[in-house]
Amino acid sequence: MIFKDQLQRKLSISNPPQRIISLVPSQTELLVDLGLENRIVGVTKFCVRPKGLKESKEVVGGTKNYRMDVIESLQPDLIIGNKEENEKTGVEKLMQKYPVWMSDILTLDDSLEMIRSLGEILNVHLKANKLIHKIKGELNTPLPKKGKAVYLIWNDPIIGVGRKTFIDQMLPYAGFENLINKERYPEFNLEDLIEFNPDYLLLSSEPFPFKQKHVDFFKKVLKGCKVRIVDGEYFSWYGSRLLGAKSYFETIN
């Protein structure tokens, strides 16, 4: 059958795929939650959810570099990737040999469409639709506004999250107004942060491992600002992790 991915590429996939490689941690977790763990043959070293899965599958590299020899040995009939998370040149090489379905996710609707599409391709559309219904029910309305925030994903250099990102779309659901109006992931210095004068500084748990020492440092720099380390998976993972997002967002104060 012919399917379209979220890059609007057409690809031919025969039968529901039985040997899947996932190059994206959040989509790996989604596959398991759709009951497809036994069809996954390869994952990345960052596919840490659910716990223990990585140890039972072949690791094909990271999200930016791939062990082509391992992938070839696995003989996948479907590889699942993401435009932002995966390295373009390597993915294009894989596309020459295998069906590669790519997601492109900036909004919650994009995420739900990704779940629906994979449900159709993998012949688990009923489970996928049930999951979509649950996510819509949980995220039907944002939480009451808590304050204006700056969300950081890296330190030295300081990198924040701006517009045209999935995290930016999720911040209002958690009750925060994003103060960064630049697009994507701009760099800042301490003077910029002070000028923002945020009510909250949110330090993501990934990809940079912010620790208590960073909280203490930023508290000294930003007087009166609430500095919190937050679970980046609930802000940036766009699969079944969304199902627990609202409950987690309610704990951030």
C-alpha atoms as a PDB file:
ATOM      1  CA  MET A   1       0.000   0.000   0.000  1.00  0.00           C
ATOM      2  CA  ILE A   2       1.004   3.619  -0.492  1.00  0.00           C
ATOM      3  CA  PHE A   3       1.215   5.848   2.575  1.00  0.00           C
ATOM      4  CA  LYS A   4       2.250   9.470   3.089  1.00  0.00           C
ATOM      5  CA  ASP A   5       4.509  10.553   5.906  1.00  0.00           C
ATOM      6  CA  GLN A   6       4.455  13.994   7.544  1.00  0.00           C
ATOM      7  CA  LEU A   7       6.997  15.305   5.054  1.00  0.00           C
ATOM      8  CA  GLN A   8       4.359  14.505   2.393  1.00  0.00           C
ATOM      9  CA  ARG A   9       6.580  11.779   0.969  1.00  0.00           C
ATOM     10  CA  LYS A  10       4.879   8.756  -0.541  1.00  0.00           C
ATOM     11  CA  LEU A  11       6.247   5.356   0.409  1.00  0.00           C
ATOM     12  CA  SER A  12       5.187   1.832  -0.402  1.00  0.00           C
ATOM     13  CA  ILE A  13       4.707  -0.479   2.565  1.00  0.00           C
ATOM     14  CA  SER A  14       3.513  -4.041   2.001  1.00  0.00           C
ATOM     15  CA  ASN A  15       1.524  -5.719   4.775  1.00  0.00           C
ATOM     16  CA  PRO A  16       1.706  -4.438   8.357  1.00  0.00           C
ATOM     17  CA  PRO A  17       5.475  -4.142   9.010  1.00  0.00           C
ATOM     18  CA  GLN A  18       6.934  -6.809  11.296  1.00  0.00           C
ATOM     19  CA  ARG A  19      10.559  -5.629  11.627  1.00  0.00           C
ATOM     20  CA  ILE A  20      10.553  -2.011  12.784  1.00  0.00           C
ATOM     21  CA  ILE A  21      13.473   0.238  13.655  1.00  0.00           C
ATOM     22  CA  SER A  22      12.648   3.390  15.607  1.00  0.00           C
ATOM     23  CA  LEU A  23      15.111   6.294  15.553  1.00  0.00           C
ATOM     24  CA  VAL A  24      13.109   8.459  17.975  1.00  0.00           C
ATOM     25  CA  PRO A  25      12.727   7.753  21.729  1.00  0.00           C
ATOM     26  CA  SER A  26       9.199   9.129  22.066  1.00  0.00           C
ATOM     27  CA  GLN A  27       8.005   7.162  19.039  1.00  0.00           C
ATOM     28  CA  THR A  28       9.649   3.999  20.381  1.00  0.00           C
ATOM     29  CA  GLU A  29       7.620   4.377  23.578  1.00  0.00           C
ATOM     30  CA  LEU A  30       4.511   4.925  21.462  1.00  0.00           C
ATOM     31  CA  LEU A  31       5.055   1.691  19.539  1.00  0.00           C
ATOM     32  CA  VAL A  32       5.259  -0.260  22.799  1.00  0.00           C
ATOM     33  CA  ASP A  33       2.110   1.398  24.135  1.00  0.00           C
ATOM     34  CA  LEU A  34       0.338   0.408  20.922  1.00  0.00           C
ATOM     35  CA  GLY A  35       1.223  -3.218  21.706  1.00  0.00           C
ATOM     36  CA  LEU A  36       3.992  -3.522  19.110  1.00  0.00           C
ATOM     37  CA  GLU A  37       7.043  -4.312  21.246  1.00  0.00           C
ATOM     38  CA  ASN A  38       7.503  -7.710  19.587  1.00  0.00           C
ATOM     39  CA  ARG A  39       7.750  -6.041  16.168  1.00  0.00           C
ATOM     40  CA  ILE A  40      10.546  -3.642  17.196  1.00  0.00           C
ATOM     41  CA  VAL A  41      13.963  -4.988  16.180  1.00  0.00           C
ATOM     42  CA  GLY A  42      16.122  -1.869  16.548  1.00  0.00           C
ATOM     43  CA  VAL A  43      16.233   1.318  18.638  1.00  0.00           C
ATOM     44  CA  THR A  44      18.655   4.134  19.435  1.00  0.00           C
ATOM     45  CA  LYS A  45      20.785   4.376  22.547  1.00  0.00           C
ATOM     46  CA  PHE A  46      18.464   7.156  23.725  1.00  0.00           C
ATOM     47  CA  CYS A  47      15.340   4.981  23.600  1.00  0.00           C
ATOM     48  CA  VAL A  48      15.127   4.618  27.379  1.00  0.00           C
ATOM     49  CA  ARG A  49      11.343   4.157  27.654  1.00  0.00           C
ATOM     50  CA  PRO A  50       9.956   1.799  28.661  1.00  0.00           C
ATOM     51  CA  LYS A  51      12.714   0.814  31.049  1.00  0.00           C
ATOM     52  CA  GLY A  52      14.593  -2.259  29.929  1.00  0.00           C
ATOM     53  CA  LEU A  53      13.442  -2.186  26.308  1.00  0.00           C
ATOM     54  CA  LYS A  54      16.799  -1.031  24.953  1.00  0.00           C
ATOM     55  CA  GLU A  55      18.531  -4.006  26.547  1.00  0.00           C
ATOM     56  CA  SER A  56      16.262  -6.417  24.679  1.00  0.00           C
ATOM     57  CA  LYS A  57      16.680  -4.827  21.225  1.00  0.00           C
ATOM     58  CA  GLU A  58      19.570  -4.088  18.876  1.00  0.00           C
ATOM     59  CA  VAL A  59      20.970  -0.583  19.302  1.00  0.00           C
ATOM     60  CA  VAL A  60      21.453   1.001  15.885  1.00  0.00           C
ATOM     61  CA  GLY A  61      23.291   4.124  17.064  1.00  0.00           C
ATOM     62  CA  GLY A  62      22.018   7.493  18.234  1.00  0.00           C
ATOM     63  CA  THR A  63      19.454   9.871  16.814  1.00  0.00           C
ATOM     64  CA  LYS A  64      22.107  11.657  14.729  1.00  0.00           C
ATOM     65  CA  ASN A  65      24.394   8.786  13.696  1.00  0.00           C
ATOM     66  CA  TYR A  66      23.545   5.270  12.654  1.00  0.00           C
ATOM     67  CA  ARG A  67      25.317   1.933  12.553  1.00  0.00           C
ATOM     68  CA  MET A  68      24.489   1.075   8.980  1.00  0.00           C
ATOM     69  CA  ASP A  69      25.893  -2.449   9.254  1.00  0.00           C
ATOM     70  CA  VAL A  70      23.638  -3.237  12.210  1.00  0.00           C
ATOM     71  CA  ILE A  71      20.598  -1.791  10.431  1.00  0.00           C
ATOM     72  CA  GLU A  72      21.355  -3.892   7.365  1.00  0.00           C
ATOM     73  CA  SER A  73      21.669  -7.050   9.464  1.00  0.00           C
ATOM     74  CA  LEU A  74      18.222  -6.396  10.970  1.00  0.00           C
ATOM     75  CA  GLN A  75      16.544  -6.262   7.540  1.00  0.00           C
ATOM     76  CA  PRO A  76      13.865  -3.755   8.624  1.00  0.00           C
ATOM     77  CA  ASP A  77      10.624  -3.468   6.688  1.00  0.00           C
ATOM     78  CA  LEU A  78       9.972  -0.047   8.257  1.00  0.00           C
ATOM     79  CA  ILE A  79      12.155   2.652   9.823  1.00  0.00           C
ATOM     80  CA  ILE A  80      10.473   5.451  11.757  1.00  0.00           C
ATOM     81  CA  GLY A  81      12.209   8.806  12.174  1.00  0.00           C
ATOM     82  CA  ASN A  82      11.600  12.506  12.791  1.00  0.00           C
ATOM     83  CA  LYS A  83      12.628  15.553  10.781  1.00  0.00           C
ATOM     84  CA  GLU A  84      14.013  17.509  13.748  1.00  0.00           C
ATOM     85  CA  GLU A  85      15.553  14.740  15.810  1.00  0.00           C
ATOM     86  CA  ASN A  86      17.275  12.715  13.107  1.00  0.00           C
ATOM     87  CA  GLU A  87      20.279  13.652  10.992  1.00  0.00           C
ATOM     88  CA  LYS A  88      19.201  14.347   7.433  1.00  0.00           C
ATOM     89  CA  THR A  89      22.109  12.850   5.452  1.00  0.00           C
ATOM     90  CA  GLY A  90      22.002   9.525   7.284  1.00  0.00           C
ATOM     91  CA  VAL A  91      18.231   9.301   6.963  1.00  0.00           C
ATOM     92  CA  GLU A  92      18.434   9.992   3.230  1.00  0.00           C
ATOM     93  CA  LYS A  93      20.894   7.092   2.874  1.00  0.00           C
ATOM     94  CA  LEU A  94      18.447   4.833   4.687  1.00  0.00           C
ATOM     95  CA  MET A  95      15.642   5.993   2.404  1.00  0.00           C
ATOM     96  CA  GLN A  96      17.524   4.579  -0.570  1.00  0.00           C
ATOM     97  CA  LYS A  97      17.238   1.038   0.816  1.00  0.00           C
ATOM     98  CA  TYR A  98      14.283   0.894   3.220  1.00  0.00           C
ATOM     99  CA  PRO A  99      10.792   2.329   3.726  1.00  0.00           C
ATOM    100  CA  VAL A 100      11.412   5.294   6.059  1.00  0.00           C
ATOM    101  CA  TRP A 101       8.379   7.041   7.551  1.00  0.00           C
ATOM    102  CA  MET A 102       9.204  10.520   8.898  1.00  0.00           C
ATOM    103  CA  SER A 103       7.224  12.587  11.376  1.00  0.00           C
ATOM    104  CA  ASP A 104       7.335  16.390  11.438  1.00  0.00           C
ATOM    105  CA  ILE A 105       5.786  17.683  14.627  1.00  0.00           C
ATOM    106  CA  LEU A 106       5.339  21.277  15.762  1.00  0.00           C
ATOM    107  CA  THR A 107       1.856  21.140  17.288  1.00  0.00           C
ATOM    108  CA  LEU A 108      -0.332  18.837  19.345  1.00  0.00           C
ATOM    109  CA  ASP A 109      -2.436  18.188  16.231  1.00  0.00           C
ATOM    110  CA  ASP A 110       0.727  17.081  14.399  1.00  0.00           C
ATOM    111  CA  SER A 111       1.400  14.627  17.215  1.00  0.00           C
ATOM    112  CA  LEU A 112      -2.099  13.191  17.114  1.00  0.00           C
ATOM    113  CA  GLU A 113      -1.882  12.853  13.333  1.00  0.00           C
ATOM    114  CA  MET A 114       1.412  10.975  13.745  1.00  0.00           C
ATOM    115  CA  ILE A 115      -0.253   8.528  16.149  1.00  0.00           C
ATOM    116  CA  ARG A 116      -3.190   8.072  13.767  1.00  0.00           C
ATOM    117  CA  SER A 117      -0.942   7.492  10.752  1.00  0.00           C
ATOM    118  CA  LEU A 118       1.269   4.936  12.482  1.00  0.00           C
ATOM    119  CA  GLY A 119      -1.838   3.189  13.772  1.00  0.00           C
ATOM    120  CA  GLU A 120      -3.037   2.831  10.183  1.00  0.00           C
ATOM    121  CA  ILE A 121       0.308   1.692   8.776  1.00  0.00           C
ATOM    122  CA  LEU A 122       0.843  -0.858  11.543  1.00  0.00           C
ATOM    123  CA  ASN A 123      -2.759  -2.090  11.565  1.00  0.00           C
ATOM    124  CA  VAL A 124      -3.437  -1.031  15.146  1.00  0.00           C
ATOM    125  CA  HIS A 125      -5.741   1.847  14.261  1.00  0.00           C
ATOM    126  CA  LEU A 126      -8.284   1.009  16.982  1.00  0.00           C
ATOM    127  CA  LYS A 127      -5.632   1.254  19.713  1.00  0.00           C
ATOM    128  CA  ALA A 128      -4.245   4.417  18.129  1.00  0.00           C
ATOM    129  CA  ASN A 129      -7.659   6.074  17.974  1.00  0.00           C
ATOM    130  CA  LYS A 130      -8.358   5.128  21.596  1.00  0.00           C
ATOM    131  CA  LEU A 131      -5.047   6.707  22.643  1.00  0.00           C
ATOM    132  CA  ILE A 132      -5.808   9.871  20.647  1.00  0.00           C
ATOM    133  CA  HIS A 133      -9.222  10.124  22.327  1.00  0.00           C
ATOM    134  CA  LYS A 134      -7.635   9.842  25.787  1.00  0.00           C
ATOM    135  CA  ILE A 135      -4.980  12.467  25.013  1.00  0.00           C
ATOM    136  CA  LYS A 136      -7.605  14.885  23.690  1.00  0.00           C
ATOM    137  CA  GLY A 137      -9.632  14.351  26.850  1.00  0.00           C
ATOM    138  CA  GLU A 138      -6.688  15.109  29.118  1.00  0.00           C
ATOM    139  CA  LEU A 139      -5.414  18.096  27.157  1.00  0.00           C
ATOM    140  CA  ASN A 140      -8.791  19.585  26.278  1.00  0.00           C
ATOM    141  CA  THR A 141      -7.999  22.835  28.103  1.00  0.00           C
ATOM    142  CA  PRO A 142      -4.770  24.444  29.314  1.00  0.00           C
ATOM    143  CA  LEU A 143      -4.136  24.806  33.027  1.00  0.00           C
ATOM    144  CA  PRO A 144      -4.801  28.190  34.637  1.00  0.00           C
ATOM    145  CA  LYS A 145      -1.982  30.627  33.897  1.00  0.00           C
ATOM    146  CA  LYS A 146       0.883  30.375  36.376  1.00  0.00           C
ATOM    147  CA  GLY A 147       3.142  33.067  34.936  1.00  0.00           C
ATOM    148  CA  LYS A 148       5.593  34.120  32.250  1.00  0.00           C
ATOM    149  CA  ALA A 149       8.434  31.689  31.656  1.00  0.00           C
ATOM    150  CA  VAL A 150      11.725  31.054  29.914  1.00  0.00           C
ATOM    151  CA  TYR A 151      12.424  27.403  29.103  1.00  0.00           C
ATOM    152  CA  LEU A 152      16.074  26.359  28.746  1.00  0.00           C
ATOM    153  CA  ILE A 153      17.389  23.197  27.097  1.00  0.00           C
ATOM    154  CA  TRP A 154      21.134  23.898  27.342  1.00  0.00           C
ATOM    155  CA  ASN A 155      23.722  25.651  29.470  1.00  0.00           C
ATOM    156  CA  ASP A 156      27.025  27.203  28.294  1.00  0.00           C
ATOM    157  CA  PRO A 157      25.890  28.385  25.870  1.00  0.00           C
ATOM    158  CA  ILE A 158      22.456  29.160  27.268  1.00  0.00           C
ATOM    159  CA  ILE A 159      19.891  27.911  24.757  1.00  0.00           C
ATOM    160  CA  GLY A 160      16.186  28.563  25.143  1.00  0.00           C
ATOM    161  CA  VAL A 161      13.030  27.376  23.417  1.00  0.00           C
ATOM    162  CA  GLY A 162      11.277  29.786  21.084  1.00  0.00           C
ATOM    163  CA  ARG A 163       8.413  29.740  18.602  1.00  0.00           C
ATOM    164  CA  LYS A 164       7.808  27.035  16.011  1.00  0.00           C
ATOM    165  CA  THR A 165       8.701  24.258  18.450  1.00  0.00           C
ATOM    166  CA  PHE A 166       6.602  21.552  20.059  1.00  0.00           C
ATOM    167  CA  ILE A 167       7.721  22.676  23.532  1.00  0.00           C
ATOM    168  CA  ASP A 168       6.401  26.179  22.834  1.00  0.00           C
ATOM    169  CA  GLN A 169       3.030  24.625  22.012  1.00  0.00           C
ATOM    170  CA  MET A 170       3.021  22.613  25.255  1.00  0.00           C
ATOM    171  CA  LEU A 171       3.958  25.462  27.608  1.00  0.00           C
ATOM    172  CA  PRO A 172       0.431  26.979  27.679  1.00  0.00           C
ATOM    173  CA  TYR A 173      -1.020  23.574  28.567  1.00  0.00           C
ATOM    174  CA  ALA A 174       1.218  23.692  31.634  1.00  0.00           C
ATOM    175  CA  GLY A 175       0.062  27.221  32.472  1.00  0.00           C
ATOM    176  CA  PHE A 176       3.052  29.172  31.176  1.00  0.00           C
ATOM    177  CA  GLU A 177       3.427  32.046  28.722  1.00  0.00           C
ATOM    178  CA  ASN A 178       6.641  31.716  26.709  1.00  0.00           C
ATOM    179  CA  LEU A 179       8.640  34.957  26.848  1.00  0.00           C
ATOM    180  CA  ILE A 180      10.940  33.961  23.983  1.00  0.00           C
ATOM    181  CA  ASN A 181       9.583  35.328  20.711  1.00  0.00           C
ATOM    182  CA  LYS A 182      12.471  34.239  18.516  1.00  0.00           C
ATOM    183  CA  GLU A 183      11.993  31.063  16.512  1.00  0.00           C
ATOM    184  CA  ARG A 184      13.413  27.631  17.272  1.00  0.00           C
ATOM    185  CA  TYR A 185      16.286  27.452  19.784  1.00  0.00           C
ATOM    186  CA  PRO A 186      18.060  30.813  20.211  1.00  0.00           C
ATOM    187  CA  GLU A 187      21.157  31.396  22.330  1.00  0.00           C
ATOM    188  CA  PHE A 188      21.153  33.921  25.174  1.00  0.00           C
ATOM    189  CA  ASN A 189      23.481  35.372  27.777  1.00  0.00           C
ATOM    190  CA  LEU A 190      22.759  36.148  31.414  1.00  0.00           C
ATOM    191  CA  GLU A 191      21.944  39.770  30.628  1.00  0.00           C
ATOM    192  CA  ASP A 192      19.236  38.584  28.238  1.00  0.00           C
ATOM    193  CA  LEU A 193      17.713  36.396  30.941  1.00  0.00           C
ATOM    194  CA  ILE A 194      17.686  39.272  33.402  1.00  0.00           C
ATOM    195  CA  GLU A 195      16.000  41.479  30.808  1.00  0.00           C
ATOM    196  CA  PHE A 196      13.287  38.864  30.259  1.00  0.00           C
ATOM    197  CA  ASN A 197      12.452  39.121  33.967  1.00  0.00           C
ATOM    198  CA  PRO A 198      10.554  35.798  33.965  1.00  0.00           C
ATOM    199  CA  ASP A 199       8.245  34.614  36.721  1.00  0.00           C
ATOM    200  CA  TYR A 200       9.594  31.106  36.087  1.00  0.00           C
ATOM    201  CA  LEU A 201      12.841  29.755  34.688  1.00  0.00           C
ATOM    202  CA  LEU A 202      12.219  26.173  33.582  1.00  0.00           C
ATOM    203  CA  LEU A 203      15.354  24.031  33.263  1.00  0.00           C
ATOM    204  CA  SER A 204      14.674  20.952  31.166  1.00  0.00           C
ATOM    205  CA  SER A 205      15.955  17.564  32.292  1.00  0.00           C
ATOM    206  CA  GLU A 206      17.042  16.911  28.707  1.00  0.00           C
ATOM    207  CA  PRO A 207      19.072  17.207  26.577  1.00  0.00           C
ATOM    208  CA  PHE A 208      21.284  19.096  29.070  1.00  0.00           C
ATOM    209  CA  PRO A 209      21.314  17.506  32.550  1.00  0.00           C
ATOM    210  CA  PHE A 210      20.515  20.539  34.699  1.00  0.00           C
ATOM    211  CA  LYS A 211      21.261  19.953  38.393  1.00  0.00           C
ATOM    212  CA  GLN A 212      20.602  21.686  41.713  1.00  0.00           C
ATOM    213  CA  LYS A 213      23.803  23.720  41.311  1.00  0.00           C
ATOM    214  CA  HIS A 214      22.300  25.326  38.214  1.00  0.00           C
ATOM    215  CA  VAL A 215      19.089  26.081  40.096  1.00  0.00           C
ATOM    216  CA  ASP A 216      21.106  27.765  42.849  1.00  0.00           C
ATOM    217  CA  PHE A 217      23.110  29.779  40.312  1.00  0.00           C
ATOM    218  CA  PHE A 218      20.118  31.078  38.377  1.00  0.00           C
ATOM    219  CA  LYS A 219      18.268  31.929  41.603  1.00  0.00           C
ATOM    220  CA  LYS A 220      21.116  34.274  42.495  1.00  0.00           C
ATOM    221  CA  VAL A 221      21.054  35.869  39.038  1.00  0.00           C
ATOM    222  CA  LEU A 222      17.258  36.165  38.706  1.00  0.00           C
ATOM    223  CA  LYS A 223      16.027  37.642  41.971  1.00  0.00           C
ATOM    224  CA  GLY A 224      12.506  36.555  42.837  1.00  0.00           C
ATOM    225  CA  CYS A 225      12.254  34.137  39.907  1.00  0.00           C
ATOM    226  CA  LYS A 226      10.984  30.615  40.540  1.00  0.00           C
ATOM    227  CA  VAL A 227      13.637  28.299  39.087  1.00  0.00           C
ATOM    228  CA  ARG A 228      12.463  24.748  38.482  1.00  0.00           C
ATOM    229  CA  ILE A 229      14.009  21.655  36.931  1.00  0.00           C
ATOM    230  CA  VAL A 230      11.231  20.106  34.832  1.00  0.00           C
ATOM    231  CA  ASP A 231      10.847  16.723  33.169  1.00  0.00           C
ATOM    232  CA  GLY A 232      11.636  17.446  29.542  1.00  0.00           C
ATOM    233  CA  GLU A 233       9.928  14.269  28.371  1.00  0.00           C
ATOM    234  CA  TYR A 234       6.497  15.692  29.237  1.00  0.00           C
ATOM    235  CA  PHE A 235       7.220  18.892  27.306  1.00  0.00           C
ATOM    236  CA  SER A 236       8.956  17.430  24.248  1.00  0.00           C
ATOM    237  CA  TRP A 237       7.912  13.796  23.790  1.00  0.00           C
ATOM    238  CA  TYR A 238       5.037  13.777  21.334  1.00  0.00           C
ATOM    239  CA  GLY A 239       3.755  10.210  21.562  1.00  0.00           C
ATOM    240  CA  SER A 240       1.930   8.327  24.287  1.00  0.00           C
ATOM    241  CA  ARG A 241       3.897  10.279  26.928  1.00  0.00           C
ATOM    242  CA  LEU A 242       1.315  13.022  26.337  1.00  0.00           C
ATOM    243  CA  LEU A 243      -1.193  10.910  28.224  1.00  0.00           C
ATOM    244  CA  GLY A 244       0.455  11.769  31.539  1.00  0.00           C
ATOM    245  CA  ALA A 245       1.442  15.336  30.679  1.00  0.00           C
ATOM    246  CA  LYS A 246      -1.423  17.208  32.340  1.00  0.00           C
ATOM    247  CA  SER A 247      -1.021  15.368  35.631  1.00  0.00           C
ATOM    248  CA  TYR A 248       2.687  16.195  35.598  1.00  0.00           C
ATOM    249  CA  PHE A 249       2.106  19.846  34.627  1.00  0.00           C
ATOM    250  CA  GLU A 250      -0.192  20.222  37.644  1.00  0.00           C
ATOM    251  CA  THR A 251       2.763  19.423  39.942  1.00  0.00           C
ATOM    252  CA  ILE A 252       4.860  22.371  38.701  1.00  0.00           C
ATOM    253  CA  ASN A 253       4.361  25.346  40.987  1.00  0.00           C
END
